[in-house]
Amino acid sequence: MIKLYGGARSRASIVRWYLEELNAPYEFQLLDMKAGEHLQPDFLAINPFGKVPAIADGDLQLWESGAILLYLAEKFEQINSIEDKAIASQWVLFGNSTLATGLFVAESREKETPRLLKGLDQVLAGQSHITGDHFTVADVAVGSILGYGILMLQLSYADYPNLAAYVQRISDRPAYKKAILGS
């Protein structure tokens, strides 16, 4: 069984969301970050940087939410070709790097956010999910950052109708509600 390590208000909720979507058996180990549980030798043996999320799956120990998402997509046979892997990697990296930086780094937010949201609105024109008409790991990677934009920055996507409809669709998913919203 996969053991997921995370802290309150951490990117571990992104991994939890995907595990829930996959109906994968897992155990969640909530680390008390304020008490320094993430800096104890047992956890540092999993992630020497003391960051969450991290997973242990048998002998595999893996950290970084994007790497974990891609691993889970392959493990649970959501990626069936090298092309699928390339597209999934593109979107996971975009979500974790380009989109997260554009929304959450104050110095670049004013310039980057409108450009990124406009591009996503165009991608979502005529399709229900990031890579087409089916929910994939790309939706977890991108959708979680968009959701955090609402939760943490009170962003509105009202000027981007395709994006706003998409965010509503993903936020209505039971696994999203459980993992991201805690309900």
C-alpha atoms as a PDB file:
ATOM      1  CA  MET A   1       0.000   0.000   0.000  1.00  0.00           C
ATOM      2  CA  ILE A   2       1.186   3.497  -0.811  1.00  0.00           C
ATOM      3  CA  LYS A   3       2.030   5.656   2.170  1.00  0.00           C
ATOM      4  CA  LEU A   4       1.630   9.375   1.515  1.00  0.00           C
ATOM      5  CA  TYR A   5       3.364  11.846   3.793  1.00  0.00           C
ATOM      6  CA  GLY A   6       2.076  15.374   4.021  1.00  0.00           C
ATOM      7  CA  GLY A   7       1.493  18.376   6.177  1.00  0.00           C
ATOM      8  CA  ALA A   8      -1.546  20.504   6.756  1.00  0.00           C
ATOM      9  CA  ARG A   9      -1.966  22.901   3.842  1.00  0.00           C
ATOM     10  CA  SER A  10       0.656  21.244   1.690  1.00  0.00           C
ATOM     11  CA  ARG A  11       0.816  19.958  -1.865  1.00  0.00           C
ATOM     12  CA  ALA A  12       0.151  16.521  -0.426  1.00  0.00           C
ATOM     13  CA  SER A  13      -3.522  17.326  -1.029  1.00  0.00           C
ATOM     14  CA  ILE A  14      -2.793  17.288  -4.771  1.00  0.00           C
ATOM     15  CA  VAL A  15      -1.463  13.744  -4.520  1.00  0.00           C
ATOM     16  CA  ARG A  16      -4.384  12.759  -2.262  1.00  0.00           C
ATOM     17  CA  TRP A  17      -6.790  14.082  -4.867  1.00  0.00           C
ATOM     18  CA  TYR A  18      -5.260  11.869  -7.561  1.00  0.00           C
ATOM     19  CA  LEU A  19      -5.131   8.828  -5.293  1.00  0.00           C
ATOM     20  CA  GLU A  20      -8.821   9.353  -4.533  1.00  0.00           C
ATOM     21  CA  GLU A  21      -9.640   9.707  -8.242  1.00  0.00           C
ATOM     22  CA  LEU A  22      -7.800   6.460  -8.926  1.00  0.00           C
ATOM     23  CA  ASN A  23      -9.544   4.693  -6.020  1.00  0.00           C
ATOM     24  CA  ALA A  24      -6.048   3.607  -5.039  1.00  0.00           C
ATOM     25  CA  PRO A  25      -5.443   2.193  -1.578  1.00  0.00           C
ATOM     26  CA  TYR A  26      -3.208   4.471   0.425  1.00  0.00           C
ATOM     27  CA  GLU A  27      -2.394   5.519   3.945  1.00  0.00           C
ATOM     28  CA  PHE A  28      -1.987   9.198   4.735  1.00  0.00           C
ATOM     29  CA  GLN A  29       0.630  10.148   7.312  1.00  0.00           C
ATOM     30  CA  LEU A  30       0.015  13.705   8.480  1.00  0.00           C
ATOM     31  CA  LEU A  31       3.283  15.198   9.686  1.00  0.00           C
ATOM     32  CA  ASP A  32       3.228  17.953  12.264  1.00  0.00           C
ATOM     33  CA  MET A  33       5.393  20.456  10.445  1.00  0.00           C
ATOM     34  CA  LYS A  34       5.309  22.952  13.305  1.00  0.00           C
ATOM     35  CA  ALA A  35       6.754  20.300  15.611  1.00  0.00           C
ATOM     36  CA  GLY A  36       9.426  19.459  13.012  1.00  0.00           C
ATOM     37  CA  GLU A  37       8.312  15.899  12.233  1.00  0.00           C
ATOM     38  CA  HIS A  38       9.437  16.465   8.638  1.00  0.00           C
ATOM     39  CA  LEU A  39      12.985  17.065   9.885  1.00  0.00           C
ATOM     40  CA  GLN A  40      13.289  13.832  11.839  1.00  0.00           C
ATOM     41  CA  PRO A  41      15.683  11.106  10.621  1.00  0.00           C
ATOM     42  CA  ASP A  42      12.884   8.707   9.615  1.00  0.00           C
ATOM     43  CA  PHE A  43      11.347  11.220   7.218  1.00  0.00           C
ATOM     44  CA  LEU A  44      14.690  12.627   6.033  1.00  0.00           C
ATOM     45  CA  ALA A  45      15.517   9.084   4.900  1.00  0.00           C
ATOM     46  CA  ILE A  46      12.573   9.447   2.472  1.00  0.00           C
ATOM     47  CA  ASN A  47      13.176  13.062   1.480  1.00  0.00           C
ATOM     48  CA  PRO A  48      16.539  14.460   2.508  1.00  0.00           C
ATOM     49  CA  PHE A  49      15.193  17.995   2.008  1.00  0.00           C
ATOM     50  CA  GLY A  50      12.450  17.534   4.598  1.00  0.00           C
ATOM     51  CA  LYS A  51       9.695  18.603   2.207  1.00  0.00           C
ATOM     52  CA  VAL A  52       6.266  17.137   1.583  1.00  0.00           C
ATOM     53  CA  PRO A  53       4.642  15.451  -0.182  1.00  0.00           C
ATOM     54  CA  ALA A  54       6.535  12.215  -0.347  1.00  0.00           C
ATOM     55  CA  ILE A  55       5.438   8.636  -0.810  1.00  0.00           C
ATOM     56  CA  ALA A  56       6.713   5.211   0.059  1.00  0.00           C
ATOM     57  CA  ASP A  57       5.474   2.437  -2.206  1.00  0.00           C
ATOM     58  CA  GLY A  58       7.233  -0.760  -1.324  1.00  0.00           C
ATOM     59  CA  ASP A  59      10.922  -0.048  -1.765  1.00  0.00           C
ATOM     60  CA  LEU A  60      10.291   3.116  -3.783  1.00  0.00           C
ATOM     61  CA  GLN A  61      10.568   6.414  -1.974  1.00  0.00           C
ATOM     62  CA  LEU A  62       9.591   9.425  -4.055  1.00  0.00           C
ATOM     63  CA  TRP A  63       9.111  13.129  -3.439  1.00  0.00           C
ATOM     64  CA  GLU A  64       7.957  16.156  -5.459  1.00  0.00           C
ATOM     65  CA  SER A  65       4.250  16.277  -6.212  1.00  0.00           C
ATOM     66  CA  GLY A  66       4.707  16.292  -9.993  1.00  0.00           C
ATOM     67  CA  ALA A  67       6.980  13.255  -9.972  1.00  0.00           C
ATOM     68  CA  ILE A  68       4.536  11.447  -7.700  1.00  0.00           C
ATOM     69  CA  LEU A  69       1.579  12.288  -9.970  1.00  0.00           C
ATOM     70  CA  LEU A  70       3.398  10.963 -13.028  1.00  0.00           C
ATOM     71  CA  TYR A  71       4.453   7.816 -11.179  1.00  0.00           C
ATOM     72  CA  LEU A  72       0.863   7.170 -10.098  1.00  0.00           C
ATOM     73  CA  ALA A  73      -0.438   7.744 -13.622  1.00  0.00           C
ATOM     74  CA  GLU A  74       1.919   5.066 -14.923  1.00  0.00           C
ATOM     75  CA  LYS A  75       1.468   2.697 -11.991  1.00  0.00           C
ATOM     76  CA  PHE A  76      -2.302   2.750 -12.388  1.00  0.00           C
ATOM     77  CA  GLU A  77      -2.067   2.478 -16.190  1.00  0.00           C
ATOM     78  CA  GLN A  78      -3.410   5.924 -16.991  1.00  0.00           C
ATOM     79  CA  ILE A  79      -0.529   6.464 -19.421  1.00  0.00           C
ATOM     80  CA  ASN A  80      -0.476   4.040 -22.330  1.00  0.00           C
ATOM     81  CA  SER A  81       2.148   5.402 -24.702  1.00  0.00           C
ATOM     82  CA  ILE A  82       5.249   7.547 -24.849  1.00  0.00           C
ATOM     83  CA  GLU A  83       3.082  10.277 -26.381  1.00  0.00           C
ATOM     84  CA  ASP A  84       0.641  10.110 -23.433  1.00  0.00           C
ATOM     85  CA  LYS A  85       3.607  10.347 -21.074  1.00  0.00           C
ATOM     86  CA  ALA A  86       4.985  13.386 -22.894  1.00  0.00           C
ATOM     87  CA  ILE A  87       1.633  15.200 -22.791  1.00  0.00           C
ATOM     88  CA  ALA A  88       1.089  14.306 -19.121  1.00  0.00           C
ATOM     89  CA  SER A  89       4.601  15.487 -18.273  1.00  0.00           C
ATOM     90  CA  GLN A  90       4.072  18.724 -20.179  1.00  0.00           C
ATOM     91  CA  TRP A  91       0.944  19.585 -18.203  1.00  0.00           C
ATOM     92  CA  VAL A  92       2.239  18.442 -14.818  1.00  0.00           C
ATOM     93  CA  LEU A  93       5.378  20.535 -15.290  1.00  0.00           C
ATOM     94  CA  PHE A  94       3.282  23.468 -16.513  1.00  0.00           C
ATOM     95  CA  GLY A  95       1.039  23.267 -13.444  1.00  0.00           C
ATOM     96  CA  ASN A  96       3.857  22.933 -10.930  1.00  0.00           C
ATOM     97  CA  SER A  97       6.166  25.481 -12.495  1.00  0.00           C
ATOM     98  CA  THR A  98       4.723  27.918 -15.015  1.00  0.00           C
ATOM     99  CA  LEU A  99       1.169  28.199 -13.678  1.00  0.00           C
ATOM    100  CA  ALA A 100       2.084  28.109  -9.976  1.00  0.00           C
ATOM    101  CA  THR A 101       4.794  30.721 -10.481  1.00  0.00           C
ATOM    102  CA  GLY A 102       2.544  32.906 -12.613  1.00  0.00           C
ATOM    103  CA  LEU A 103      -0.241  32.896 -10.033  1.00  0.00           C
ATOM    104  CA  PHE A 104       1.655  32.843  -6.757  1.00  0.00           C
ATOM    105  CA  VAL A 105       4.839  34.866  -7.250  1.00  0.00           C
ATOM    106  CA  ALA A 106       3.784  38.436  -6.491  1.00  0.00           C
ATOM    107  CA  GLU A 107       6.459  40.029  -8.702  1.00  0.00           C
ATOM    108  CA  SER A 108       5.176  38.330 -11.849  1.00  0.00           C
ATOM    109  CA  ARG A 109       1.473  37.894 -11.030  1.00  0.00           C
ATOM    110  CA  GLU A 110       0.157  41.055 -12.692  1.00  0.00           C
ATOM    111  CA  LYS A 111       1.862  40.286 -16.007  1.00  0.00           C
ATOM    112  CA  GLU A 112       1.703  36.491 -16.078  1.00  0.00           C
ATOM    113  CA  THR A 113      -1.720  35.652 -14.646  1.00  0.00           C
ATOM    114  CA  PRO A 114      -3.850  37.188 -17.437  1.00  0.00           C
ATOM    115  CA  ARG A 115      -1.631  35.660 -20.130  1.00  0.00           C
ATOM    116  CA  LEU A 116      -1.776  32.196 -18.557  1.00  0.00           C
ATOM    117  CA  LEU A 117      -5.508  32.304 -17.857  1.00  0.00           C
ATOM    118  CA  LYS A 118      -6.253  33.476 -21.400  1.00  0.00           C
ATOM    119  CA  GLY A 119      -4.200  30.587 -22.797  1.00  0.00           C
ATOM    120  CA  LEU A 120      -5.958  28.053 -20.573  1.00  0.00           C
ATOM    121  CA  ASP A 121      -9.334  29.498 -21.561  1.00  0.00           C
ATOM    122  CA  GLN A 122      -8.402  28.924 -25.207  1.00  0.00           C
ATOM    123  CA  VAL A 123      -7.199  25.365 -24.500  1.00  0.00           C
ATOM    124  CA  LEU A 124     -10.529  24.605 -22.817  1.00  0.00           C
ATOM    125  CA  ALA A 125     -12.653  25.999 -25.663  1.00  0.00           C
ATOM    126  CA  GLY A 126     -14.581  23.033 -27.025  1.00  0.00           C
ATOM    127  CA  GLN A 127     -13.244  20.464 -24.568  1.00  0.00           C
ATOM    128  CA  SER A 128     -14.164  19.578 -21.023  1.00  0.00           C
ATOM    129  CA  HIS A 129     -10.696  18.802 -19.661  1.00  0.00           C
ATOM    130  CA  ILE A 130      -7.116  19.912 -20.155  1.00  0.00           C
ATOM    131  CA  THR A 131      -6.165  17.198 -22.652  1.00  0.00           C
ATOM    132  CA  GLY A 132      -9.582  16.590 -24.188  1.00  0.00           C
ATOM    133  CA  ASP A 133     -12.846  15.118 -22.999  1.00  0.00           C
ATOM    134  CA  HIS A 134     -11.513  12.842 -20.255  1.00  0.00           C
ATOM    135  CA  PHE A 135     -10.165  13.586 -16.799  1.00  0.00           C
ATOM    136  CA  THR A 136      -6.423  12.862 -16.528  1.00  0.00           C
ATOM    137  CA  VAL A 137      -3.440  13.556 -14.312  1.00  0.00           C
ATOM    138  CA  ALA A 138      -3.112  16.861 -16.219  1.00  0.00           C
ATOM    139  CA  ASP A 139      -6.376  17.989 -14.630  1.00  0.00           C
ATOM    140  CA  VAL A 140      -5.058  17.233 -11.170  1.00  0.00           C
ATOM    141  CA  ALA A 141      -1.826  19.149 -11.778  1.00  0.00           C
ATOM    142  CA  VAL A 142      -3.422  22.192 -13.401  1.00  0.00           C
ATOM    143  CA  GLY A 143      -6.776  22.081 -11.621  1.00  0.00           C
ATOM    144  CA  SER A 144      -5.237  21.993  -8.166  1.00  0.00           C
ATOM    145  CA  ILE A 145      -3.206  25.146  -8.823  1.00  0.00           C
ATOM    146  CA  LEU A 146      -6.274  26.899 -10.223  1.00  0.00           C
ATOM    147  CA  GLY A 147      -8.231  25.810  -7.151  1.00  0.00           C
ATOM    148  CA  TYR A 148      -5.506  27.091  -4.863  1.00  0.00           C
ATOM    149  CA  GLY A 149      -5.723  30.392  -6.739  1.00  0.00           C
ATOM    150  CA  ILE A 150      -9.317  30.721  -5.585  1.00  0.00           C
ATOM    151  CA  LEU A 151      -8.692  29.451  -2.059  1.00  0.00           C
ATOM    152  CA  MET A 152      -5.506  31.388  -1.319  1.00  0.00           C
ATOM    153  CA  LEU A 153      -5.615  34.436  -3.581  1.00  0.00           C
ATOM    154  CA  GLN A 154      -9.378  34.800  -4.058  1.00  0.00           C
ATOM    155  CA  LEU A 155      -8.825  34.788  -7.821  1.00  0.00           C
ATOM    156  CA  SER A 156     -11.852  35.003 -10.063  1.00  0.00           C
ATOM    157  CA  TYR A 157     -11.960  33.320 -13.432  1.00  0.00           C
ATOM    158  CA  ALA A 158     -15.153  35.120 -14.469  1.00  0.00           C
ATOM    159  CA  ASP A 159     -13.406  36.847 -17.404  1.00  0.00           C
ATOM    160  CA  TYR A 160     -12.470  33.431 -18.805  1.00  0.00           C
ATOM    161  CA  PRO A 161     -15.749  31.522 -19.346  1.00  0.00           C
ATOM    162  CA  ASN A 162     -14.257  28.207 -20.508  1.00  0.00           C
ATOM    163  CA  LEU A 163     -11.803  28.225 -17.616  1.00  0.00           C
ATOM    164  CA  ALA A 164     -14.495  29.206 -15.102  1.00  0.00           C
ATOM    165  CA  ALA A 165     -16.706  26.318 -16.263  1.00  0.00           C
ATOM    166  CA  TYR A 166     -13.748  23.939 -16.063  1.00  0.00           C
ATOM    167  CA  VAL A 167     -12.843  25.010 -12.519  1.00  0.00           C
ATOM    168  CA  GLN A 168     -16.469  24.499 -11.508  1.00  0.00           C
ATOM    169  CA  ARG A 169     -16.498  20.995 -13.046  1.00  0.00           C
ATOM    170  CA  ILE A 170     -13.348  19.888 -11.272  1.00  0.00           C
ATOM    171  CA  SER A 171     -14.297  21.456  -7.952  1.00  0.00           C
ATOM    172  CA  ASP A 172     -17.571  19.509  -8.053  1.00  0.00           C
ATOM    173  CA  ARG A 173     -15.719  16.180  -8.198  1.00  0.00           C
ATOM    174  CA  PRO A 174     -16.073  14.207  -4.937  1.00  0.00           C
ATOM    175  CA  ALA A 175     -12.346  13.406  -4.792  1.00  0.00           C
ATOM    176  CA  TYR A 176     -11.475  17.110  -5.178  1.00  0.00           C
ATOM    177  CA  LYS A 177     -13.876  18.059  -2.414  1.00  0.00           C
ATOM    178  CA  LYS A 178     -12.394  15.422  -0.107  1.00  0.00           C
ATOM    179  CA  ALA A 179      -8.709  16.071  -0.789  1.00  0.00           C
ATOM    180  CA  ILE A 180      -8.497  19.781  -1.609  1.00  0.00           C
ATOM    181  CA  LEU A 181     -11.438  21.218   0.305  1.00  0.00           C
ATOM    182  CA  GLY A 182     -11.368  18.705   3.153  1.00  0.00           C
ATOM    183  CA  SER A 183     -15.091  18.026   2.928  1.00  0.00           C
END
